[in-house]
Amino acid sequence: MSTTIEDRVILLLRDQSGELEPDKKKGVIDKIKSAIGSDAQQPQIGGHGFWERLGFFTGINSKRWRKVYARDQRITSDMFQALAQLFPDYAFWLSTGITDAANGHIAPYTAQIFPERIYETSYAAHQYFTHSLNLAQTLYKEAQVNTNDEKERMYAAERTRPLAHWWDSPLSDAAYKIASSEEYDYLKKLWNEREEERKENIERIAAQKQKPLVAQTTEKNSSNLRITPILGIDPRTQHQNRWDLFYRPKDLQKSKFALSILNIPLTQLTDEQFKSIAEMSLSDIQKYLEHHGINENLVFPVMQGGQIRYNEDKLTPNETERLEKLMIEHRKRNNGNQAK
């Protein structure tokens, strides 16, 4: 587990409320971005009266939002849906905890994201998401579905497979009727615009020389210009550009595993690290043993037919004991080689 949905909802509410960064306290970069209009037009609900405006836009009492923010109650499905529809750019991140920035699925600035790291909003994607949501709601109105009746909602939404092929739900006729409208044509226009903007964004991501900070560094090195650094920049990330899709480590040696403890040889594990590895899943331990050249049959019992047990649980007590003995033997052998 990384963050929970509750964590991410709070981070989004903190971002939208302007609690950490009211407009008058925005940094230079944010003011420049606002001036050139690089951000999509999200609902502006932050500042004084935020909770009341949030309640108005979502149709959910502001007291419930306050309780979620204070962790006095868990977010309910209707609240989650309302928040995802109000801020569709963040819906994917709210659900999964990861982003897909190339397709417009980002996270708010208050959230630390990984493995991607782009926070740039796609105006065209935002427009496409918003218009899609409006048309999806129009579909149920056009088909005159009573959305307060769960049985009627499900009957309208569910496709069926009576024989060899899937049949559309009863909404199909209304969907084709809407598809003949100018509003639907506008959605297709927005999709094309999103794809064009997506191509431009991918070019920004791929083309190192077009990235502002990279170009600035090149110019500085070539002409000996002195460029005033932006105050308050994070020294850990100052080498990166806002269009870097992925993290670019500086002066770090490549490793096999993302989890650093798995890169440590068996002989160098501390007792606490050994306990952590013993708590891992079978597949992780198998990868660990293979990477460090250790025969897994020395740890896991071989079942009939030559297959080891298949189970994602942690090691059994007997397996843990075998692995611990193996670690002690390797340590002794390693110490003996060093003594020679």
C-alpha atoms as a PDB file:
ATOM      1  CA  MET A   1       0.000   0.000   0.000  1.00  0.00           C
ATOM      2  CA  SER A   2       1.099   3.553  -0.691  1.00  0.00           C
ATOM      3  CA  THR A   3      -1.405   6.315   0.037  1.00  0.00           C
ATOM      4  CA  THR A   4      -5.062   5.613   0.681  1.00  0.00           C
ATOM      5  CA  ILE A   5      -7.997   7.199  -1.110  1.00  0.00           C
ATOM      6  CA  GLU A   6      -8.610   9.228   2.051  1.00  0.00           C
ATOM      7  CA  ASP A   7      -5.038  10.554   1.916  1.00  0.00           C
ATOM      8  CA  ARG A   8      -5.388  11.564  -1.713  1.00  0.00           C
ATOM      9  CA  VAL A   9      -8.746  13.229  -1.182  1.00  0.00           C
ATOM     10  CA  ILE A  10      -7.260  15.329   1.630  1.00  0.00           C
ATOM     11  CA  LEU A  11      -4.289  16.293  -0.546  1.00  0.00           C
ATOM     12  CA  LEU A  12      -6.651  17.388  -3.320  1.00  0.00           C
ATOM     13  CA  LEU A  13      -8.853  19.360  -0.943  1.00  0.00           C
ATOM     14  CA  ARG A  14      -5.764  21.012   0.516  1.00  0.00           C
ATOM     15  CA  ASP A  15      -4.645  21.980  -2.969  1.00  0.00           C
ATOM     16  CA  GLN A  16      -8.025  23.335  -4.021  1.00  0.00           C
ATOM     17  CA  SER A  17      -8.718  25.192  -0.795  1.00  0.00           C
ATOM     18  CA  GLY A  18      -5.562  27.243  -1.242  1.00  0.00           C
ATOM     19  CA  GLU A  19      -4.654  26.486   2.367  1.00  0.00           C
ATOM     20  CA  LEU A  20      -0.944  26.164   1.634  1.00  0.00           C
ATOM     21  CA  GLU A  21      -0.614  28.602  -1.217  1.00  0.00           C
ATOM     22  CA  PRO A  22      -3.030  31.521  -1.555  1.00  0.00           C
ATOM     23  CA  ASP A  23      -2.630  33.566  -4.724  1.00  0.00           C
ATOM     24  CA  LYS A  24      -0.713  36.355  -3.046  1.00  0.00           C
ATOM     25  CA  LYS A  25       1.893  33.820  -1.898  1.00  0.00           C
ATOM     26  CA  LYS A  26       2.377  32.132  -5.267  1.00  0.00           C
ATOM     27  CA  GLY A  27       5.947  31.767  -6.418  1.00  0.00           C
ATOM     28  CA  VAL A  28       7.452  33.302  -9.524  1.00  0.00           C
ATOM     29  CA  ILE A  29       6.965  30.186 -11.659  1.00  0.00           C
ATOM     30  CA  ASP A  30       3.279  29.870 -10.745  1.00  0.00           C
ATOM     31  CA  LYS A  31       2.642  33.550 -11.490  1.00  0.00           C
ATOM     32  CA  ILE A  32       4.300  33.188 -14.887  1.00  0.00           C
ATOM     33  CA  LYS A  33       2.281  30.040 -15.616  1.00  0.00           C
ATOM     34  CA  SER A  34      -0.952  31.810 -14.665  1.00  0.00           C
ATOM     35  CA  ALA A  35      -0.045  34.781 -16.847  1.00  0.00           C
ATOM     36  CA  ILE A  36       0.578  32.708 -19.967  1.00  0.00           C
ATOM     37  CA  GLY A  37      -2.475  30.525 -19.348  1.00  0.00           C
ATOM     38  CA  SER A  38      -0.707  27.166 -19.191  1.00  0.00           C
ATOM     39  CA  ASP A  39      -3.172  25.804 -16.638  1.00  0.00           C
ATOM     40  CA  ALA A  40      -6.553  24.451 -17.698  1.00  0.00           C
ATOM     41  CA  GLN A  41      -9.635  26.222 -16.406  1.00  0.00           C
ATOM     42  CA  GLN A  42     -10.412  24.253 -13.271  1.00  0.00           C
ATOM     43  CA  PRO A  43     -13.295  25.386 -11.029  1.00  0.00           C
ATOM     44  CA  GLN A  44     -11.968  28.210  -8.865  1.00  0.00           C
ATOM     45  CA  ILE A  45     -13.375  27.440  -5.436  1.00  0.00           C
ATOM     46  CA  GLY A  46     -10.413  28.113  -3.116  1.00  0.00           C
ATOM     47  CA  GLY A  47     -10.076  30.833  -0.512  1.00  0.00           C
ATOM     48  CA  HIS A  48     -12.620  32.146   1.970  1.00  0.00           C
ATOM     49  CA  GLY A  49     -15.877  30.156   1.788  1.00  0.00           C
ATOM     50  CA  PHE A  50     -14.188  27.170   0.162  1.00  0.00           C
ATOM     51  CA  TRP A  51     -16.209  24.511   1.976  1.00  0.00           C
ATOM     52  CA  GLU A  52     -19.525  26.160   1.130  1.00  0.00           C
ATOM     53  CA  ARG A  53     -18.576  26.461  -2.537  1.00  0.00           C
ATOM     54  CA  LEU A  54     -17.389  22.846  -2.566  1.00  0.00           C
ATOM     55  CA  GLY A  55     -20.754  21.831  -1.146  1.00  0.00           C
ATOM     56  CA  PHE A  56     -22.544  23.864  -3.826  1.00  0.00           C
ATOM     57  CA  PHE A  57     -20.545  22.402  -6.740  1.00  0.00           C
ATOM     58  CA  THR A  58     -20.815  18.800  -5.508  1.00  0.00           C
ATOM     59  CA  GLY A  59     -24.312  18.884  -4.049  1.00  0.00           C
ATOM     60  CA  ILE A  60     -22.932  17.426  -0.803  1.00  0.00           C
ATOM     61  CA  ASN A  61     -23.176  19.213   2.525  1.00  0.00           C
ATOM     62  CA  SER A  62     -20.014  21.141   3.391  1.00  0.00           C
ATOM     63  CA  LYS A  63     -20.013  19.626   6.897  1.00  0.00           C
ATOM     64  CA  ARG A  64     -19.402  16.197   5.402  1.00  0.00           C
ATOM     65  CA  TRP A  65     -16.423  17.533   3.436  1.00  0.00           C
ATOM     66  CA  ARG A  66     -15.004  19.107   6.587  1.00  0.00           C
ATOM     67  CA  LYS A  67     -15.310  15.799   8.423  1.00  0.00           C
ATOM     68  CA  VAL A  68     -13.516  13.935   5.633  1.00  0.00           C
ATOM     69  CA  TYR A  69     -10.744  16.543   5.662  1.00  0.00           C
ATOM     70  CA  ALA A  70     -10.381  16.194   9.438  1.00  0.00           C
ATOM     71  CA  ARG A  71     -10.512  12.368   9.149  1.00  0.00           C
ATOM     72  CA  ASP A  72     -13.624  12.302  11.312  1.00  0.00           C
ATOM     73  CA  GLN A  73     -15.354  10.196   8.654  1.00  0.00           C
ATOM     74  CA  ARG A  74     -14.289   8.138   5.663  1.00  0.00           C
ATOM     75  CA  ILE A  75     -15.183   9.381   2.222  1.00  0.00           C
ATOM     76  CA  THR A  76     -18.302   7.749   0.805  1.00  0.00           C
ATOM     77  CA  SER A  77     -18.857   6.643  -2.793  1.00  0.00           C
ATOM     78  CA  ASP A  78     -21.120   9.601  -3.620  1.00  0.00           C
ATOM     79  CA  MET A  79     -18.501  12.043  -2.318  1.00  0.00           C
ATOM     80  CA  PHE A  80     -15.709  10.322  -4.227  1.00  0.00           C
ATOM     81  CA  GLN A  81     -17.706  10.366  -7.461  1.00  0.00           C
ATOM     82  CA  ALA A  82     -18.608  14.029  -7.010  1.00  0.00           C
ATOM     83  CA  LEU A  83     -14.978  14.976  -6.438  1.00  0.00           C
ATOM     84  CA  ALA A  84     -13.748  12.933  -9.416  1.00  0.00           C
ATOM     85  CA  GLN A  85     -16.344  14.525 -11.691  1.00  0.00           C
ATOM     86  CA  LEU A  86     -15.619  18.029 -10.430  1.00  0.00           C
ATOM     87  CA  PHE A  87     -11.876  17.536 -11.015  1.00  0.00           C
ATOM     88  CA  PRO A  88     -11.681  14.899 -13.784  1.00  0.00           C
ATOM     89  CA  ASP A  89      -7.975  15.564 -14.407  1.00  0.00           C
ATOM     90  CA  TYR A  90      -7.300  14.044 -10.965  1.00  0.00           C
ATOM     91  CA  ALA A  91      -9.850  11.198 -11.116  1.00  0.00           C
ATOM     92  CA  PHE A  92      -7.374   8.538 -12.250  1.00  0.00           C
ATOM     93  CA  TRP A  93      -4.855   9.555  -9.575  1.00  0.00           C
ATOM     94  CA  LEU A  94      -7.591   9.658  -6.912  1.00  0.00           C
ATOM     95  CA  SER A  95      -8.541   6.070  -7.763  1.00  0.00           C
ATOM     96  CA  THR A  96      -5.101   4.533  -8.260  1.00  0.00           C
ATOM     97  CA  GLY A  97      -2.466   6.801  -6.698  1.00  0.00           C
ATOM     98  CA  ILE A  98      -0.495   6.994  -9.969  1.00  0.00           C
ATOM     99  CA  THR A  99      -0.644   9.388 -12.925  1.00  0.00           C
ATOM    100  CA  ASP A 100      -0.733   9.149 -16.727  1.00  0.00           C
ATOM    101  CA  ALA A 101       0.342  12.676 -17.595  1.00  0.00           C
ATOM    102  CA  ALA A 102       0.680  12.113 -21.346  1.00  0.00           C
ATOM    103  CA  ASN A 103      -3.070  11.483 -21.473  1.00  0.00           C
ATOM    104  CA  GLY A 104      -4.043  14.288 -19.100  1.00  0.00           C
ATOM    105  CA  HIS A 105      -4.336  12.263 -15.889  1.00  0.00           C
ATOM    106  CA  ILE A 106      -2.304  14.203 -13.323  1.00  0.00           C
ATOM    107  CA  ALA A 107      -2.142  14.904  -9.589  1.00  0.00           C
ATOM    108  CA  PRO A 108      -2.378  18.169  -7.641  1.00  0.00           C
ATOM    109  CA  TYR A 109       0.816  19.978  -6.667  1.00  0.00           C
ATOM    110  CA  THR A 110       0.292  18.988  -3.027  1.00  0.00           C
ATOM    111  CA  ALA A 111       0.817  15.297  -3.840  1.00  0.00           C
ATOM    112  CA  GLN A 112       4.188  13.572  -4.204  1.00  0.00           C
ATOM    113  CA  ILE A 113       3.796  11.331  -7.246  1.00  0.00           C
ATOM    114  CA  PHE A 114       5.783   8.351  -8.526  1.00  0.00           C
ATOM    115  CA  PRO A 115       6.875   6.837 -10.893  1.00  0.00           C
ATOM    116  CA  GLU A 116       5.913   9.799 -13.107  1.00  0.00           C
ATOM    117  CA  ARG A 117       6.566  13.344 -11.948  1.00  0.00           C
ATOM    118  CA  ILE A 118       4.764  15.734 -14.358  1.00  0.00           C
ATOM    119  CA  TYR A 119       2.121  18.033 -12.858  1.00  0.00           C
ATOM    120  CA  GLU A 120       1.384  19.983 -16.056  1.00  0.00           C
ATOM    121  CA  THR A 121      -2.321  20.281 -16.834  1.00  0.00           C
ATOM    122  CA  SER A 122      -3.527  19.540 -20.358  1.00  0.00           C
ATOM    123  CA  TYR A 123      -6.129  22.132 -21.287  1.00  0.00           C
ATOM    124  CA  ALA A 124      -7.487  20.053 -24.168  1.00  0.00           C
ATOM    125  CA  ALA A 125      -7.718  16.886 -22.062  1.00  0.00           C
ATOM    126  CA  HIS A 126      -9.554  18.804 -19.333  1.00  0.00           C
ATOM    127  CA  GLN A 127     -12.068  20.113 -21.867  1.00  0.00           C
ATOM    128  CA  TYR A 128     -12.535  16.620 -23.308  1.00  0.00           C
ATOM    129  CA  PHE A 129     -13.066  15.028 -19.882  1.00  0.00           C
ATOM    130  CA  THR A 130     -15.560  17.716 -18.848  1.00  0.00           C
ATOM    131  CA  HIS A 131     -17.632  17.522 -22.051  1.00  0.00           C
ATOM    132  CA  SER A 132     -17.619  13.699 -21.904  1.00  0.00           C
ATOM    133  CA  LEU A 133     -19.029  13.817 -18.387  1.00  0.00           C
ATOM    134  CA  ASN A 134     -21.752  16.235 -19.473  1.00  0.00           C
ATOM    135  CA  LEU A 135     -22.764  13.982 -22.370  1.00  0.00           C
ATOM    136  CA  ALA A 136     -22.749  10.892 -20.148  1.00  0.00           C
ATOM    137  CA  GLN A 137     -25.217  12.594 -17.818  1.00  0.00           C
ATOM    138  CA  THR A 138     -27.293  13.766 -20.794  1.00  0.00           C
ATOM    139  CA  LEU A 139     -27.590  10.161 -21.983  1.00  0.00           C
ATOM    140  CA  TYR A 140     -29.538   9.119 -18.886  1.00  0.00           C
ATOM    141  CA  LYS A 141     -31.767  12.186 -19.118  1.00  0.00           C
ATOM    142  CA  GLU A 142     -32.474  11.558 -22.806  1.00  0.00           C
ATOM    143  CA  ALA A 143     -33.343   7.906 -22.062  1.00  0.00           C
ATOM    144  CA  GLN A 144     -35.523   9.081 -19.159  1.00  0.00           C
ATOM    145  CA  VAL A 145     -33.855   6.752 -16.689  1.00  0.00           C
ATOM    146  CA  ASN A 146     -34.870   7.216 -13.070  1.00  0.00           C
ATOM    147  CA  THR A 147     -31.371   7.471 -11.613  1.00  0.00           C
ATOM    148  CA  ASN A 148     -32.780   7.288  -8.081  1.00  0.00           C
ATOM    149  CA  ASP A 149     -33.905   3.711  -8.728  1.00  0.00           C
ATOM    150  CA  GLU A 150     -30.933   1.338  -8.537  1.00  0.00           C
ATOM    151  CA  LYS A 151     -32.700  -1.458 -10.437  1.00  0.00           C
ATOM    152  CA  GLU A 152     -33.611   0.886 -13.284  1.00  0.00           C
ATOM    153  CA  ARG A 153     -30.078   2.285 -13.358  1.00  0.00           C
ATOM    154  CA  MET A 154     -28.545  -1.171 -13.595  1.00  0.00           C
ATOM    155  CA  TYR A 155     -31.037  -2.299 -16.253  1.00  0.00           C
ATOM    156  CA  ALA A 156     -30.155   0.761 -18.314  1.00  0.00           C
ATOM    157  CA  ALA A 157     -26.391   0.399 -17.846  1.00  0.00           C
ATOM    158  CA  GLU A 158     -25.823  -3.339 -18.275  1.00  0.00           C
ATOM    159  CA  ARG A 159     -24.913  -4.908 -21.624  1.00  0.00           C
ATOM    160  CA  THR A 160     -25.983  -8.518 -22.145  1.00  0.00           C
ATOM    161  CA  ARG A 161     -24.783 -11.530 -24.115  1.00  0.00           C
ATOM    162  CA  PRO A 162     -27.849 -13.580 -25.036  1.00  0.00           C
ATOM    163  CA  LEU A 163     -25.961 -15.802 -27.501  1.00  0.00           C
ATOM    164  CA  ALA A 164     -22.515 -15.417 -29.091  1.00  0.00           C
ATOM    165  CA  HIS A 165     -22.397 -11.627 -29.242  1.00  0.00           C
ATOM    166  CA  TRP A 166     -22.715  -8.750 -26.822  1.00  0.00           C
ATOM    167  CA  TRP A 167     -25.838  -6.576 -27.114  1.00  0.00           C
ATOM    168  CA  ASP A 168     -25.947  -2.938 -26.076  1.00  0.00           C
ATOM    169  CA  SER A 169     -28.103  -1.911 -23.145  1.00  0.00           C
ATOM    170  CA  PRO A 170     -31.472  -0.131 -23.548  1.00  0.00           C
ATOM    171  CA  LEU A 171     -29.480   3.119 -23.595  1.00  0.00           C
ATOM    172  CA  SER A 172     -28.253   2.350 -27.112  1.00  0.00           C
ATOM    173  CA  ASP A 173     -31.073   4.136 -28.967  1.00  0.00           C
ATOM    174  CA  ALA A 174     -30.637   7.295 -26.908  1.00  0.00           C
ATOM    175  CA  ALA A 175     -26.847   7.090 -27.399  1.00  0.00           C
ATOM    176  CA  TYR A 176     -27.214   7.065 -31.196  1.00  0.00           C
ATOM    177  CA  LYS A 177     -29.688   9.928 -31.016  1.00  0.00           C
ATOM    178  CA  ILE A 178     -27.205  12.032 -29.025  1.00  0.00           C
ATOM    179  CA  ALA A 179     -24.406  10.994 -31.399  1.00  0.00           C
ATOM    180  CA  SER A 180     -26.271  12.801 -34.204  1.00  0.00           C
ATOM    181  CA  SER A 181     -26.142  16.127 -32.341  1.00  0.00           C
ATOM    182  CA  GLU A 182     -23.730  19.041 -32.747  1.00  0.00           C
ATOM    183  CA  GLU A 183     -22.748  18.635 -29.097  1.00  0.00           C
ATOM    184  CA  TYR A 184     -21.470  15.145 -29.867  1.00  0.00           C
ATOM    185  CA  ASP A 185     -19.612  16.464 -32.912  1.00  0.00           C
ATOM    186  CA  TYR A 186     -17.995  18.998 -30.587  1.00  0.00           C
ATOM    187  CA  LEU A 187     -16.785  16.132 -28.390  1.00  0.00           C
ATOM    188  CA  LYS A 188     -15.048  14.570 -31.393  1.00  0.00           C
ATOM    189  CA  LYS A 189     -13.476  17.948 -32.138  1.00  0.00           C
ATOM    190  CA  LEU A 190     -12.212  18.129 -28.555  1.00  0.00           C
ATOM    191  CA  TRP A 191     -10.765  14.629 -28.884  1.00  0.00           C
ATOM    192  CA  ASN A 192      -8.797  15.684 -31.960  1.00  0.00           C
ATOM    193  CA  GLU A 193      -7.562  18.783 -30.132  1.00  0.00           C
ATOM    194  CA  ARG A 194      -6.521  16.634 -27.181  1.00  0.00           C
ATOM    195  CA  GLU A 195      -4.553  14.348 -29.484  1.00  0.00           C
ATOM    196  CA  GLU A 196      -2.811  17.331 -31.089  1.00  0.00           C
ATOM    197  CA  GLU A 197      -1.909  18.748 -27.695  1.00  0.00           C
ATOM    198  CA  ARG A 198      -0.817  15.285 -26.587  1.00  0.00           C
ATOM    199  CA  LYS A 199       1.628  15.117 -29.513  1.00  0.00           C
ATOM    200  CA  GLU A 200       3.038  18.522 -28.556  1.00  0.00           C
ATOM    201  CA  ASN A 201       3.405  17.466 -24.921  1.00  0.00           C
ATOM    202  CA  ILE A 202       5.128  14.219 -25.869  1.00  0.00           C
ATOM    203  CA  GLU A 203       7.546  16.229 -28.003  1.00  0.00           C
ATOM    204  CA  ARG A 204       8.277  18.442 -25.001  1.00  0.00           C
ATOM    205  CA  ILE A 205       8.874  15.362 -22.898  1.00  0.00           C
ATOM    206  CA  ALA A 206      11.096  13.684 -25.487  1.00  0.00           C
ATOM    207  CA  ALA A 207      13.072  16.681 -26.714  1.00  0.00           C
ATOM    208  CA  GLN A 208      15.641  17.534 -24.030  1.00  0.00           C
ATOM    209  CA  LYS A 209      16.880  20.657 -25.820  1.00  0.00           C
ATOM    210  CA  GLN A 210      13.406  22.193 -25.874  1.00  0.00           C
ATOM    211  CA  LYS A 211      13.016  22.034 -22.112  1.00  0.00           C
ATOM    212  CA  PRO A 212      13.419  25.519 -20.559  1.00  0.00           C
ATOM    213  CA  LEU A 213      15.791  24.642 -17.709  1.00  0.00           C
ATOM    214  CA  VAL A 214      17.947  22.427 -19.943  1.00  0.00           C
ATOM    215  CA  ALA A 215      18.171  25.169 -22.565  1.00  0.00           C
ATOM    216  CA  GLN A 216      19.054  27.671 -19.855  1.00  0.00           C
ATOM    217  CA  THR A 217      21.902  25.495 -18.625  1.00  0.00           C
ATOM    218  CA  THR A 218      23.225  25.018 -22.178  1.00  0.00           C
ATOM    219  CA  GLU A 219      23.166  28.746 -22.816  1.00  0.00           C
ATOM    220  CA  LYS A 220      24.912  29.441 -19.534  1.00  0.00           C
ATOM    221  CA  ASN A 221      27.686  26.965 -20.291  1.00  0.00           C
ATOM    222  CA  SER A 222      28.191  28.161 -23.869  1.00  0.00           C
ATOM    223  CA  SER A 223      28.239  31.916 -23.301  1.00  0.00           C
ATOM    224  CA  ASN A 224      29.376  32.186 -19.661  1.00  0.00           C
ATOM    225  CA  LEU A 225      26.171  34.033 -18.766  1.00  0.00           C
ATOM    226  CA  ARG A 226      25.246  34.321 -15.102  1.00  0.00           C
ATOM    227  CA  ILE A 227      21.624  33.371 -14.514  1.00  0.00           C
ATOM    228  CA  THR A 228      19.964  34.288 -11.238  1.00  0.00           C
ATOM    229  CA  PRO A 229      18.548  31.129  -9.605  1.00  0.00           C
ATOM    230  CA  ILE A 230      14.886  31.056  -8.602  1.00  0.00           C
ATOM    231  CA  LEU A 231      14.596  31.479  -4.843  1.00  0.00           C
ATOM    232  CA  GLY A 232      13.160  28.589  -2.852  1.00  0.00           C
ATOM    233  CA  ILE A 233      13.760  25.849  -5.400  1.00  0.00           C
ATOM    234  CA  ASP A 234      14.129  22.316  -4.011  1.00  0.00           C
ATOM    235  CA  PRO A 235      17.844  21.395  -4.312  1.00  0.00           C
ATOM    236  CA  ARG A 236      16.929  17.724  -4.684  1.00  0.00           C
ATOM    237  CA  THR A 237      14.944  18.347  -7.867  1.00  0.00           C
ATOM    238  CA  GLN A 238      16.533  21.473  -9.328  1.00  0.00           C
ATOM    239  CA  HIS A 239      18.257  19.393 -12.033  1.00  0.00           C
ATOM    240  CA  GLN A 240      14.854  18.325 -13.384  1.00  0.00           C
ATOM    241  CA  ASN A 241      12.542  20.127 -15.762  1.00  0.00           C
ATOM    242  CA  ARG A 242       8.777  20.423 -15.369  1.00  0.00           C
ATOM    243  CA  TRP A 243       8.381  18.419 -18.601  1.00  0.00           C
ATOM    244  CA  ASP A 244      10.492  15.507 -17.348  1.00  0.00           C
ATOM    245  CA  LEU A 245       8.010  12.648 -17.352  1.00  0.00           C
ATOM    246  CA  PHE A 246      10.258  10.455 -15.197  1.00  0.00           C
ATOM    247  CA  TYR A 247      12.699  10.911 -12.340  1.00  0.00           C
ATOM    248  CA  ARG A 248      16.312  11.332 -13.446  1.00  0.00           C
ATOM    249  CA  PRO A 249      18.667  10.308 -10.601  1.00  0.00           C
ATOM    250  CA  LYS A 250      21.938  12.167 -10.183  1.00  0.00           C
ATOM    251  CA  ASP A 251      25.145  10.289  -9.356  1.00  0.00           C
ATOM    252  CA  LEU A 252      23.375   7.111  -8.274  1.00  0.00           C
ATOM    253  CA  GLN A 253      24.584   3.640  -9.210  1.00  0.00           C
ATOM    254  CA  LYS A 254      22.148   1.437 -11.118  1.00  0.00           C
ATOM    255  CA  SER A 255      20.589  -1.369  -9.099  1.00  0.00           C
ATOM    256  CA  LYS A 256      18.581  -4.477  -9.921  1.00  0.00           C
ATOM    257  CA  PHE A 257      15.603  -4.021  -7.616  1.00  0.00           C
ATOM    258  CA  ALA A 258      13.472  -0.984  -6.819  1.00  0.00           C
ATOM    259  CA  LEU A 259      13.330  -2.054  -3.162  1.00  0.00           C
ATOM    260  CA  SER A 260      16.893  -1.383  -2.001  1.00  0.00           C
ATOM    261  CA  ILE A 261      17.000  -4.120   0.641  1.00  0.00           C
ATOM    262  CA  LEU A 262      16.790  -6.750  -2.119  1.00  0.00           C
ATOM    263  CA  ASN A 263      20.056  -5.481  -3.571  1.00  0.00           C
ATOM    264  CA  ILE A 264      21.967  -6.318  -0.373  1.00  0.00           C
ATOM    265  CA  PRO A 265      23.833  -9.673  -0.460  1.00  0.00           C
ATOM    266  CA  LEU A 266      22.722 -12.277   2.067  1.00  0.00           C
ATOM    267  CA  THR A 267      26.016 -12.007   3.970  1.00  0.00           C
ATOM    268  CA  GLN A 268      25.591  -8.258   4.496  1.00  0.00           C
ATOM    269  CA  LEU A 269      22.024  -8.273   5.810  1.00  0.00           C
ATOM    270  CA  THR A 270      21.436  -6.999   9.323  1.00  0.00           C
ATOM    271  CA  ASP A 271      19.117  -8.981  11.575  1.00  0.00           C
ATOM    272  CA  GLU A 272      16.307  -6.464  10.965  1.00  0.00           C
ATOM    273  CA  GLN A 273      16.823  -6.583   7.219  1.00  0.00           C
ATOM    274  CA  PHE A 274      16.750 -10.389   7.305  1.00  0.00           C
ATOM    275  CA  LYS A 275      13.414 -10.282   9.149  1.00  0.00           C
ATOM    276  CA  SER A 276      12.040  -7.900   6.528  1.00  0.00           C
ATOM    277  CA  ILE A 277      13.029 -10.216   3.692  1.00  0.00           C
ATOM    278  CA  ALA A 278      11.570 -13.219   5.503  1.00  0.00           C
ATOM    279  CA  GLU A 279       8.226 -11.360   5.607  1.00  0.00           C
ATOM    280  CA  MET A 280       8.181 -10.841   1.833  1.00  0.00           C
ATOM    281  CA  SER A 281       6.191 -12.827  -0.717  1.00  0.00           C
ATOM    282  CA  LEU A 282       7.496 -16.062  -2.182  1.00  0.00           C
ATOM    283  CA  SER A 283       8.073 -14.521  -5.628  1.00  0.00           C
ATOM    284  CA  ASP A 284      10.130 -11.640  -4.184  1.00  0.00           C
ATOM    285  CA  ILE A 285      12.321 -14.038  -2.211  1.00  0.00           C
ATOM    286  CA  GLN A 286      12.796 -16.251  -5.264  1.00  0.00           C
ATOM    287  CA  LYS A 287      13.988 -13.215  -7.265  1.00  0.00           C
ATOM    288  CA  TYR A 288      16.304 -12.258  -4.418  1.00  0.00           C
ATOM    289  CA  LEU A 289      17.872 -15.701  -4.234  1.00  0.00           C
ATOM    290  CA  GLU A 290      18.260 -15.942  -8.003  1.00  0.00           C
ATOM    291  CA  HIS A 291      19.893 -12.504  -8.260  1.00  0.00           C
ATOM    292  CA  HIS A 292      22.418 -13.348  -5.545  1.00  0.00           C
ATOM    293  CA  GLY A 293      23.224 -16.786  -6.989  1.00  0.00           C
ATOM    294  CA  ILE A 294      21.611 -18.881  -4.257  1.00  0.00           C
ATOM    295  CA  ASN A 295      19.864 -22.165  -5.075  1.00  0.00           C
ATOM    296  CA  GLU A 296      16.224 -21.740  -4.002  1.00  0.00           C
ATOM    297  CA  ASN A 297      15.924 -25.494  -3.347  1.00  0.00           C
ATOM    298  CA  LEU A 298      18.116 -24.936  -0.283  1.00  0.00           C
ATOM    299  CA  VAL A 299      15.310 -22.822   1.208  1.00  0.00           C
ATOM    300  CA  PHE A 300      12.039 -24.103  -0.228  1.00  0.00           C
ATOM    301  CA  PRO A 301      10.876 -27.711   0.029  1.00  0.00           C
ATOM    302  CA  VAL A 302      10.649 -29.499  -3.317  1.00  0.00           C
ATOM    303  CA  MET A 303       7.197 -30.998  -3.776  1.00  0.00           C
ATOM    304  CA  GLN A 304       6.278 -34.114  -5.726  1.00  0.00           C
ATOM    305  CA  GLY A 305       7.012 -33.637  -9.422  1.00  0.00           C
ATOM    306  CA  GLY A 306       9.922 -31.305  -8.713  1.00  0.00           C
ATOM    307  CA  GLN A 307       7.752 -28.225  -8.087  1.00  0.00           C
ATOM    308  CA  ILE A 308       8.197 -25.944  -5.087  1.00  0.00           C
ATOM    309  CA  ARG A 309       5.121 -24.802  -3.232  1.00  0.00           C
ATOM    310  CA  TYR A 310       3.075 -22.012  -4.836  1.00  0.00           C
ATOM    311  CA  ASN A 311       2.077 -19.496  -2.230  1.00  0.00           C
ATOM    312  CA  GLU A 312       2.477 -15.745  -2.012  1.00  0.00           C
ATOM    313  CA  ASP A 313       2.536 -15.752   1.786  1.00  0.00           C
ATOM    314  CA  LYS A 314       5.707 -15.097   3.752  1.00  0.00           C
ATOM    315  CA  LEU A 315       8.183 -17.839   4.564  1.00  0.00           C
ATOM    316  CA  THR A 316       7.104 -20.658   6.833  1.00  0.00           C
ATOM    317  CA  PRO A 317       9.049 -21.060  10.107  1.00  0.00           C
ATOM    318  CA  ASN A 318      10.998 -23.997   8.619  1.00  0.00           C
ATOM    319  CA  GLU A 319      11.887 -22.006   5.494  1.00  0.00           C
ATOM    320  CA  THR A 320      12.942 -19.025   7.587  1.00  0.00           C
ATOM    321  CA  GLU A 321      15.178 -21.303   9.623  1.00  0.00           C
ATOM    322  CA  ARG A 322      16.764 -22.755   6.482  1.00  0.00           C
ATOM    323  CA  LEU A 323      17.367 -19.287   5.046  1.00  0.00           C
ATOM    324  CA  GLU A 324      18.889 -18.114   8.341  1.00  0.00           C
ATOM    325  CA  LYS A 325      21.252 -21.118   8.434  1.00  0.00           C
ATOM    326  CA  LEU A 326      22.180 -20.395   4.849  1.00  0.00           C
ATOM    327  CA  MET A 327      22.959 -16.783   5.755  1.00  0.00           C
ATOM    328  CA  ILE A 328      25.173 -17.900   8.664  1.00  0.00           C
ATOM    329  CA  GLU A 329      27.029 -20.374   6.426  1.00  0.00           C
ATOM    330  CA  HIS A 330      27.617 -17.693   3.782  1.00  0.00           C
ATOM    331  CA  ARG A 331      28.870 -15.274   6.437  1.00  0.00           C
ATOM    332  CA  LYS A 332      31.330 -17.828   7.785  1.00  0.00           C
ATOM    333  CA  ARG A 333      32.507 -18.654   4.303  1.00  0.00           C
ATOM    334  CA  ASN A 334      32.871 -14.975   3.465  1.00  0.00           C
ATOM    335  CA  ASN A 335      34.786 -14.269   6.697  1.00  0.00           C
ATOM    336  CA  GLY A 336      37.052 -17.233   5.997  1.00  0.00           C
ATOM    337  CA  ASN A 337      37.866 -15.940   2.523  1.00  0.00           C
ATOM    338  CA  GLN A 338      38.654 -12.492   3.930  1.00  0.00           C
ATOM    339  CA  ALA A 339      40.968 -14.017   6.577  1.00  0.00           C
ATOM    340  CA  LYS A 340      42.977 -15.729   3.841  1.00  0.00           C
END
